[in-house]
Amino acid sequence: MKTTNILQLLKPKALIAYIYEDATVRQAIEKMRRSGFTAVPVINRNGEYVKAIAEGDFLWFMMTHDTADLSELENYKVSDIPKRVVCEPVYVYSTIEDLFKLSMNQNFVPVVDDRSVFIGIVTRKDILQVCYEKLKDSEAFLSVHEYEREDI
């Protein structure tokens, strides 16, 4: 059976939305709104992965600071928003099994190189697609599928 390399599933940094930790909270909210994503990676100016930030993080931050005024959010940096949810990265040389384990609790898995520089993400959807394809090719899937057909 052919093994899948993480790089085959990688959505490169150049093709996804990410936010710098020194961006203002307002800039980050506007970038997320334009991207349509509900969570994005946060990196520092050296390109290293810092954390993931989600819509809920902004909501909790705004509630804690008692503001809904976007202009006030220019006074805060993304680094001021506490890390609420852990979104662990994997190294580029990690296995598909490592990705699978993390994807059970994360919508995407950040991928870093051996210097911890962020290079992209692998989405849960892409991981599930690989698992589905491997299962579909297996004899167990075929026999269950045929059994279901007889039942109809």
N, C-alpha and C. Protein backbone atom coordinates (compact mmCIF):
# COMPACT_ATOMS: atom_id res chain seq x y z
N MET A 1 0.85 -1.19 0.00
CA MET A 1 0.00 0.00 0.00
C MET A 1 0.89 1.25 0.00
N LYS A 2 0.61 2.16 -0.86
CA LYS A 2 1.38 3.40 -0.99
C LYS A 2 1.12 4.30 0.22
N THR A 3 2.21 4.82 0.82
CA THR A 3 2.03 5.72 1.95
C THR A 3 1.91 7.15 1.44
N THR A 4 1.18 7.94 2.19
CA THR A 4 0.97 9.33 1.82
C THR A 4 1.96 10.21 2.57
N ASN A 5 2.61 11.08 1.86
CA ASN A 5 3.55 12.03 2.44
C ASN A 5 2.78 13.29 2.81
N ILE A 6 3.14 13.91 3.92
CA ILE A 6 2.47 15.14 4.37
C ILE A 6 2.49 16.20 3.27
N LEU A 7 3.59 16.28 2.54
CA LEU A 7 3.69 17.31 1.51
C LEU A 7 2.66 17.14 0.40
N GLN A 8 2.16 15.92 0.22
CA GLN A 8 1.13 15.69 -0.79
C GLN A 8 -0.20 16.32 -0.38
N LEU A 9 -0.38 16.54 0.92
CA LEU A 9 -1.63 17.11 1.45
C LEU A 9 -1.51 18.59 1.81
N LEU A 10 -0.31 19.10 1.79
CA LEU A 10 -0.03 20.45 2.28
C LEU A 10 -0.67 21.54 1.43
N LYS A 11 -1.36 22.46 2.11
CA LYS A 11 -1.80 23.71 1.49
C LYS A 11 -0.70 24.72 1.88
N PRO A 12 0.10 25.16 0.93
CA PRO A 12 1.23 26.01 1.26
C PRO A 12 0.82 27.37 1.83
N LYS A 13 1.70 27.89 2.62
CA LYS A 13 1.50 29.19 3.28
C LYS A 13 1.06 30.27 2.29
N ALA A 14 1.60 30.24 1.09
CA ALA A 14 1.28 31.26 0.08
C ALA A 14 -0.18 31.22 -0.36
N LEU A 15 -0.86 30.09 -0.13
CA LEU A 15 -2.23 29.94 -0.61
C LEU A 15 -3.29 30.01 0.49
N ILE A 16 -2.87 30.25 1.72
CA ILE A 16 -3.84 30.28 2.83
C ILE A 16 -3.75 31.61 3.57
N ALA A 17 -4.75 31.86 4.40
CA ALA A 17 -4.74 33.06 5.24
C ALA A 17 -3.99 32.75 6.53
N TYR A 18 -3.16 33.68 6.94
CA TYR A 18 -2.48 33.60 8.24
C TYR A 18 -2.32 35.02 8.75
N ILE A 19 -2.02 35.13 10.02
CA ILE A 19 -1.94 36.44 10.66
C ILE A 19 -0.62 36.55 11.41
N TYR A 20 -0.01 37.72 11.36
CA TYR A 20 1.20 37.96 12.16
C TYR A 20 0.79 38.32 13.59
N GLU A 21 1.57 37.85 14.55
CA GLU A 21 1.23 38.09 15.95
C GLU A 21 1.29 39.57 16.34
N ASP A 22 2.02 40.40 15.55
CA ASP A 22 2.09 41.82 15.88
C ASP A 22 1.04 42.66 15.12
N ALA A 23 0.15 41.99 14.39
CA ALA A 23 -0.96 42.70 13.73
C ALA A 23 -1.94 43.17 14.80
N THR A 24 -2.67 44.23 14.50
CA THR A 24 -3.69 44.68 15.45
C THR A 24 -4.87 43.71 15.42
N VAL A 25 -5.62 43.69 16.48
CA VAL A 25 -6.79 42.82 16.54
C VAL A 25 -7.77 43.20 15.43
N ARG A 26 -7.89 44.48 15.16
CA ARG A 26 -8.78 44.91 14.08
C ARG A 26 -8.31 44.36 12.73
N GLN A 27 -7.02 44.46 12.44
CA GLN A 27 -6.48 43.93 11.18
C GLN A 27 -6.76 42.43 11.07
N ALA A 28 -6.58 41.73 12.17
CA ALA A 28 -6.78 40.28 12.17
C ALA A 28 -8.24 39.92 11.90
N ILE A 29 -9.15 40.64 12.55
CA ILE A 29 -10.58 40.38 12.34
C ILE A 29 -10.95 40.64 10.88
N GLU A 30 -10.45 41.74 10.33
CA GLU A 30 -10.76 42.07 8.94
C GLU A 30 -10.18 41.03 7.98
N LYS A 31 -8.98 40.55 8.25
CA LYS A 31 -8.36 39.54 7.38
C LYS A 31 -9.14 38.23 7.46
N MET A 32 -9.56 37.84 8.65
CA MET A 32 -10.35 36.61 8.79
C MET A 32 -11.68 36.74 8.08
N ARG A 33 -12.31 37.89 8.19
CA ARG A 33 -13.60 38.11 7.54
C ARG A 33 -13.45 37.98 6.02
N ARG A 34 -12.40 38.56 5.45
CA ARG A 34 -12.16 38.46 4.01
C ARG A 34 -11.85 37.03 3.57
N SER A 35 -11.14 36.30 4.42
CA SER A 35 -10.73 34.93 4.04
C SER A 35 -11.89 33.94 4.10
N GLY A 36 -12.85 34.21 4.99
CA GLY A 36 -13.97 33.28 5.15
C GLY A 36 -13.68 32.12 6.08
N PHE A 37 -12.45 32.04 6.61
CA PHE A 37 -12.10 30.97 7.53
C PHE A 37 -12.53 31.32 8.94
N THR A 38 -12.80 30.31 9.75
CA THR A 38 -13.20 30.54 11.13
C THR A 38 -12.02 30.45 12.09
N ALA A 39 -10.89 29.96 11.61
CA ALA A 39 -9.66 29.89 12.39
C ALA A 39 -8.48 29.98 11.43
N VAL A 40 -7.42 30.64 11.87
CA VAL A 40 -6.22 30.78 11.03
C VAL A 40 -4.97 30.68 11.90
N PRO A 41 -3.86 30.29 11.27
CA PRO A 41 -2.59 30.25 12.01
C PRO A 41 -2.06 31.65 12.28
N VAL A 42 -1.32 31.77 13.37
CA VAL A 42 -0.64 33.01 13.74
C VAL A 42 0.85 32.71 13.72
N ILE A 43 1.62 33.58 13.05
CA ILE A 43 3.07 33.39 12.98
C ILE A 43 3.76 34.67 13.44
N ASN A 44 5.04 34.54 13.80
CA ASN A 44 5.82 35.73 14.15
C ASN A 44 6.56 36.22 12.91
N ARG A 45 7.28 37.31 13.02
CA ARG A 45 7.95 37.92 11.86
C ARG A 45 9.14 37.08 11.37
N ASN A 46 9.56 36.08 12.17
CA ASN A 46 10.59 35.14 11.72
C ASN A 46 9.97 33.98 10.95
N GLY A 47 8.62 33.99 10.84
CA GLY A 47 7.92 32.95 10.11
C GLY A 47 7.59 31.73 10.95
N GLU A 48 7.89 31.77 12.24
CA GLU A 48 7.64 30.63 13.12
C GLU A 48 6.18 30.58 13.55
N TYR A 49 5.63 29.38 13.61
CA TYR A 49 4.26 29.18 14.05
C TYR A 49 4.15 29.52 15.54
N VAL A 50 3.12 30.30 15.90
CA VAL A 50 2.91 30.71 17.28
C VAL A 50 1.68 30.03 17.88
N LYS A 51 0.55 30.13 17.17
CA LYS A 51 -0.72 29.57 17.65
C LYS A 51 -1.74 29.66 16.53
N ALA A 52 -2.91 29.15 16.80
CA ALA A 52 -4.04 29.36 15.90
C ALA A 52 -5.03 30.25 16.63
N ILE A 53 -5.74 31.05 15.88
CA ILE A 53 -6.72 31.95 16.48
C ILE A 53 -8.06 31.74 15.76
N ALA A 54 -9.12 31.72 16.54
CA ALA A 54 -10.45 31.45 15.99
C ALA A 54 -11.39 32.60 16.29
N GLU A 55 -12.54 32.59 15.62
CA GLU A 55 -13.54 33.63 15.82
C GLU A 55 -13.90 33.79 17.30
N GLY A 56 -14.04 32.67 17.98
CA GLY A 56 -14.40 32.71 19.39
C GLY A 56 -13.36 33.42 20.24
N ASP A 57 -12.10 33.32 19.86
CA ASP A 57 -11.03 34.01 20.60
C ASP A 57 -11.24 35.52 20.54
N PHE A 58 -11.63 36.01 19.36
CA PHE A 58 -11.90 37.44 19.22
C PHE A 58 -13.11 37.85 20.06
N LEU A 59 -14.13 37.02 20.02
CA LEU A 59 -15.34 37.31 20.80
C LEU A 59 -15.02 37.40 22.29
N TRP A 60 -14.32 36.40 22.82
CA TRP A 60 -13.97 36.41 24.24
C TRP A 60 -13.09 37.61 24.58
N PHE A 61 -12.15 37.94 23.69
CA PHE A 61 -11.27 39.09 23.92
C PHE A 61 -12.09 40.38 23.98
N MET A 62 -13.03 40.54 23.05
CA MET A 62 -13.85 41.75 23.02
C MET A 62 -14.75 41.82 24.25
N MET A 63 -15.27 40.68 24.68
CA MET A 63 -16.12 40.68 25.89
C MET A 63 -15.29 41.01 27.13
N THR A 64 -14.09 40.46 27.20
CA THR A 64 -13.21 40.73 28.34
C THR A 64 -12.83 42.21 28.41
N HIS A 65 -12.65 42.82 27.26
CA HIS A 65 -12.27 44.24 27.20
C HIS A 65 -13.47 45.16 27.02
N ASP A 66 -14.66 44.58 27.09
CA ASP A 66 -15.92 45.32 27.04
C ASP A 66 -15.97 46.30 25.87
N THR A 67 -15.71 45.77 24.66
CA THR A 67 -15.77 46.63 23.49
C THR A 67 -16.30 45.86 22.28
N ALA A 68 -17.03 46.56 21.46
CA ALA A 68 -17.46 46.04 20.16
C ALA A 68 -17.04 47.03 19.08
N ASP A 69 -16.30 48.06 19.49
CA ASP A 69 -15.84 49.11 18.59
C ASP A 69 -14.55 48.69 17.91
N LEU A 70 -14.60 48.51 16.59
CA LEU A 70 -13.42 48.07 15.87
C LEU A 70 -12.25 49.04 15.99
N SER A 71 -12.54 50.33 16.07
CA SER A 71 -11.43 51.30 16.17
C SER A 71 -10.67 51.13 17.49
N GLU A 72 -11.35 50.72 18.55
CA GLU A 72 -10.66 50.47 19.83
C GLU A 72 -9.74 49.27 19.74
N LEU A 73 -10.08 48.32 18.85
CA LEU A 73 -9.28 47.11 18.73
C LEU A 73 -7.94 47.36 18.04
N GLU A 74 -7.77 48.56 17.50
CA GLU A 74 -6.47 48.93 16.94
C GLU A 74 -5.42 49.11 18.03
N ASN A 75 -5.86 49.24 19.28
CA ASN A 75 -4.93 49.43 20.40
C ASN A 75 -4.37 48.12 20.93
N TYR A 76 -4.82 46.99 20.38
CA TYR A 76 -4.38 45.68 20.86
C TYR A 76 -3.76 44.88 19.73
N LYS A 77 -2.81 44.05 20.09
CA LYS A 77 -2.14 43.17 19.13
C LYS A 77 -2.70 41.75 19.26
N VAL A 78 -2.55 40.98 18.22
CA VAL A 78 -2.99 39.58 18.24
C VAL A 78 -2.28 38.83 19.37
N SER A 79 -1.05 39.21 19.64
CA SER A 79 -0.30 38.56 20.73
C SER A 79 -0.93 38.82 22.10
N ASP A 80 -1.81 39.83 22.21
CA ASP A 80 -2.52 40.12 23.46
C ASP A 80 -3.68 39.15 23.70
N ILE A 81 -4.10 38.45 22.68
CA ILE A 81 -5.22 37.51 22.80
C ILE A 81 -4.68 36.20 23.36
N PRO A 82 -5.21 35.78 24.50
CA PRO A 82 -4.72 34.53 25.10
C PRO A 82 -4.97 33.32 24.22
N LYS A 83 -4.07 32.36 24.31
CA LYS A 83 -4.22 31.10 23.58
C LYS A 83 -5.26 30.28 24.32
N ARG A 84 -6.44 30.11 23.71
CA ARG A 84 -7.54 29.38 24.34
C ARG A 84 -7.54 27.92 23.95
N VAL A 85 -7.38 27.68 22.67
CA VAL A 85 -7.42 26.32 22.15
C VAL A 85 -6.04 25.94 21.63
N VAL A 86 -5.61 24.75 21.97
CA VAL A 86 -4.32 24.28 21.49
C VAL A 86 -4.48 23.71 20.08
N CYS A 87 -3.66 24.18 19.18
CA CYS A 87 -3.65 23.69 17.80
C CYS A 87 -2.19 23.33 17.50
N GLU A 88 -1.86 22.09 17.82
CA GLU A 88 -0.48 21.63 17.71
C GLU A 88 -0.02 21.51 16.26
N PRO A 89 1.20 21.91 15.98
CA PRO A 89 1.75 21.71 14.64
C PRO A 89 2.45 20.36 14.55
N VAL A 90 2.73 19.94 13.32
CA VAL A 90 3.58 18.77 13.08
C VAL A 90 4.76 19.22 12.24
N TYR A 91 5.83 18.44 12.33
CA TYR A 91 6.98 18.71 11.47
C TYR A 91 6.72 18.10 10.10
N VAL A 92 7.34 18.64 9.11
CA VAL A 92 7.14 18.22 7.73
C VAL A 92 7.46 16.74 7.55
N TYR A 93 8.32 16.18 8.38
CA TYR A 93 8.69 14.77 8.27
C TYR A 93 7.81 13.86 9.12
N SER A 94 6.75 14.39 9.72
CA SER A 94 5.83 13.58 10.52
C SER A 94 5.05 12.62 9.61
N THR A 95 4.36 11.70 10.25
CA THR A 95 3.62 10.68 9.50
C THR A 95 2.15 11.08 9.34
N ILE A 96 1.48 10.39 8.43
CA ILE A 96 0.05 10.61 8.24
C ILE A 96 -0.69 10.24 9.53
N GLU A 97 -0.16 9.28 10.28
CA GLU A 97 -0.78 8.90 11.55
C GLU A 97 -0.74 10.06 12.54
N ASP A 98 0.38 10.79 12.57
CA ASP A 98 0.49 11.98 13.44
C ASP A 98 -0.58 13.00 13.06
N LEU A 99 -0.75 13.21 11.77
CA LEU A 99 -1.78 14.14 11.28
C LEU A 99 -3.17 13.68 11.69
N PHE A 100 -3.42 12.39 11.50
CA PHE A 100 -4.73 11.83 11.80
C PHE A 100 -5.08 12.04 13.27
N LYS A 101 -4.14 11.76 14.17
CA LYS A 101 -4.39 11.92 15.61
C LYS A 101 -4.73 13.36 15.96
N LEU A 102 -3.96 14.30 15.43
CA LEU A 102 -4.20 15.71 15.74
C LEU A 102 -5.51 16.20 15.12
N SER A 103 -5.85 15.70 13.95
CA SER A 103 -7.04 16.19 13.26
C SER A 103 -8.34 15.79 13.97
N MET A 104 -8.25 14.87 14.90
CA MET A 104 -9.45 14.51 15.66
C MET A 104 -9.92 15.67 16.53
N ASN A 105 -8.99 16.56 16.90
CA ASN A 105 -9.32 17.67 17.77
C ASN A 105 -9.07 19.04 17.14
N GLN A 106 -8.63 19.07 15.90
CA GLN A 106 -8.29 20.32 15.23
C GLN A 106 -8.88 20.30 13.82
N ASN A 107 -9.35 21.45 13.36
CA ASN A 107 -9.87 21.55 11.98
C ASN A 107 -8.75 21.52 10.95
N PHE A 108 -7.59 21.97 11.36
CA PHE A 108 -6.43 21.92 10.49
C PHE A 108 -5.20 21.67 11.34
N VAL A 109 -4.16 21.16 10.70
CA VAL A 109 -2.90 20.90 11.40
C VAL A 109 -1.83 21.77 10.75
N PRO A 110 -1.25 22.70 11.52
CA PRO A 110 -0.15 23.51 10.99
C PRO A 110 1.07 22.61 10.75
N VAL A 111 1.82 22.91 9.70
CA VAL A 111 3.03 22.15 9.39
C VAL A 111 4.22 23.11 9.43
N VAL A 112 5.27 22.68 10.12
CA VAL A 112 6.48 23.48 10.25
C VAL A 112 7.68 22.68 9.75
N ASP A 113 8.73 23.40 9.37
CA ASP A 113 9.96 22.72 8.95
C ASP A 113 10.81 22.44 10.19
N ASP A 114 12.02 21.96 9.99
CA ASP A 114 12.84 21.59 11.14
C ASP A 114 13.37 22.78 11.94
N ARG A 115 13.12 24.00 11.45
CA ARG A 115 13.47 25.22 12.20
C ARG A 115 12.25 25.85 12.86
N SER A 116 11.11 25.13 12.83
CA SER A 116 9.81 25.58 13.35
C SER A 116 9.20 26.71 12.53
N VAL A 117 9.67 26.87 11.29
CA VAL A 117 9.11 27.87 10.40
C VAL A 117 7.84 27.29 9.77
N PHE A 118 6.78 28.06 9.84
CA PHE A 118 5.48 27.66 9.32
C PHE A 118 5.53 27.57 7.80
N ILE A 119 5.10 26.41 7.26
CA ILE A 119 5.12 26.25 5.80
C ILE A 119 3.74 26.02 5.21
N GLY A 120 2.73 25.76 6.05
CA GLY A 120 1.39 25.57 5.53
C GLY A 120 0.53 24.75 6.48
N ILE A 121 -0.61 24.30 5.99
CA ILE A 121 -1.53 23.51 6.82
C ILE A 121 -2.00 22.28 6.05
N VAL A 122 -2.49 21.32 6.80
CA VAL A 122 -3.21 20.19 6.24
C VAL A 122 -4.58 20.22 6.90
N THR A 123 -5.62 20.22 6.09
CA THR A 123 -6.98 20.31 6.65
C THR A 123 -7.51 18.93 7.03
N ARG A 124 -8.43 18.93 7.96
CA ARG A 124 -9.10 17.69 8.36
C ARG A 124 -9.78 17.04 7.14
N LYS A 125 -10.37 17.86 6.31
CA LYS A 125 -11.05 17.35 5.12
C LYS A 125 -10.09 16.57 4.23
N ASP A 126 -8.89 17.10 4.02
CA ASP A 126 -7.92 16.41 3.17
C ASP A 126 -7.44 15.10 3.81
N ILE A 127 -7.30 15.08 5.11
CA ILE A 127 -6.90 13.86 5.83
C ILE A 127 -8.00 12.80 5.70
N LEU A 128 -9.24 13.22 5.90
CA LEU A 128 -10.36 12.29 5.77
C LEU A 128 -10.48 11.76 4.35
N GLN A 129 -10.19 12.60 3.36
CA GLN A 129 -10.25 12.16 1.96
C GLN A 129 -9.24 11.05 1.70
N VAL A 130 -8.02 11.19 2.24
CA VAL A 130 -7.00 10.15 2.07
C VAL A 130 -7.45 8.87 2.76
N CYS A 131 -7.98 8.99 3.96
CA CYS A 131 -8.46 7.81 4.69
C CYS A 131 -9.60 7.14 3.94
N TYR A 132 -10.49 7.92 3.40
CA TYR A 132 -11.61 7.38 2.63
C TYR A 132 -11.11 6.62 1.40
N GLU A 133 -10.16 7.21 0.68
CA GLU A 133 -9.62 6.56 -0.52
C GLU A 133 -8.95 5.24 -0.17
N LYS A 134 -8.21 5.22 0.93
CA LYS A 134 -7.54 3.97 1.34
C LYS A 134 -8.58 2.94 1.77
N LEU A 135 -9.60 3.36 2.47
CA LEU A 135 -10.65 2.45 2.91
C LEU A 135 -11.43 1.92 1.71
N LYS A 136 -11.72 2.81 0.77
CA LYS A 136 -12.47 2.44 -0.43
C LYS A 136 -11.73 1.37 -1.23
N ASP A 137 -10.40 1.43 -1.22
CA ASP A 137 -9.59 0.47 -1.96
C ASP A 137 -9.43 -0.86 -1.23
N SER A 138 -9.80 -0.91 0.02
CA SER A 138 -9.59 -2.13 0.80
C SER A 138 -10.71 -3.14 0.55
N GLU A 139 -10.39 -4.41 0.73
CA GLU A 139 -11.38 -5.48 0.54
C GLU A 139 -12.49 -5.39 1.57
N ALA A 140 -12.16 -4.96 2.79
CA ALA A 140 -13.17 -4.87 3.85
C ALA A 140 -14.28 -3.90 3.44
N PHE A 141 -13.89 -2.77 2.86
CA PHE A 141 -14.87 -1.78 2.43
C PHE A 141 -15.75 -2.35 1.32
N LEU A 142 -15.13 -3.05 0.37
CA LEU A 142 -15.88 -3.61 -0.74
C LEU A 142 -16.90 -4.64 -0.27
N SER A 143 -16.49 -5.50 0.67
CA SER A 143 -17.43 -6.52 1.13
C SER A 143 -18.57 -5.90 1.94
N VAL A 144 -18.31 -4.90 2.74
CA VAL A 144 -19.37 -4.22 3.48
C VAL A 144 -20.29 -3.49 2.52
N HIS A 145 -19.70 -2.85 1.53
CA HIS A 145 -20.49 -2.11 0.54
C HIS A 145 -21.43 -3.05 -0.22
N GLU A 146 -20.92 -4.22 -0.62
CA GLU A 146 -21.76 -5.19 -1.32
C GLU A 146 -22.85 -5.74 -0.41
N TYR A 147 -22.53 -5.93 0.86
CA TYR A 147 -23.52 -6.40 1.82
C TYR A 147 -24.66 -5.39 1.93
N GLU A 148 -24.31 -4.12 1.97
CA GLU A 148 -25.34 -3.07 2.07
C GLU A 148 -26.22 -3.08 0.84
N ARG A 149 -25.68 -3.35 -0.32
CA ARG A 149 -26.46 -3.38 -1.56
C ARG A 149 -27.47 -4.51 -1.54
N GLU A 150 -27.06 -5.66 -1.01
CA GLU A 150 -27.98 -6.79 -0.94
C GLU A 150 -29.14 -6.51 0.00
N ASP A 151 -28.89 -5.66 0.97
CA ASP A 151 -29.88 -5.34 1.98
C ASP A 151 -30.99 -4.43 1.45
N ILE A 152 -30.72 -3.74 0.37
CA ILE A 152 -31.65 -2.74 -0.16
C ILE A 152 -32.86 -3.35 -0.77
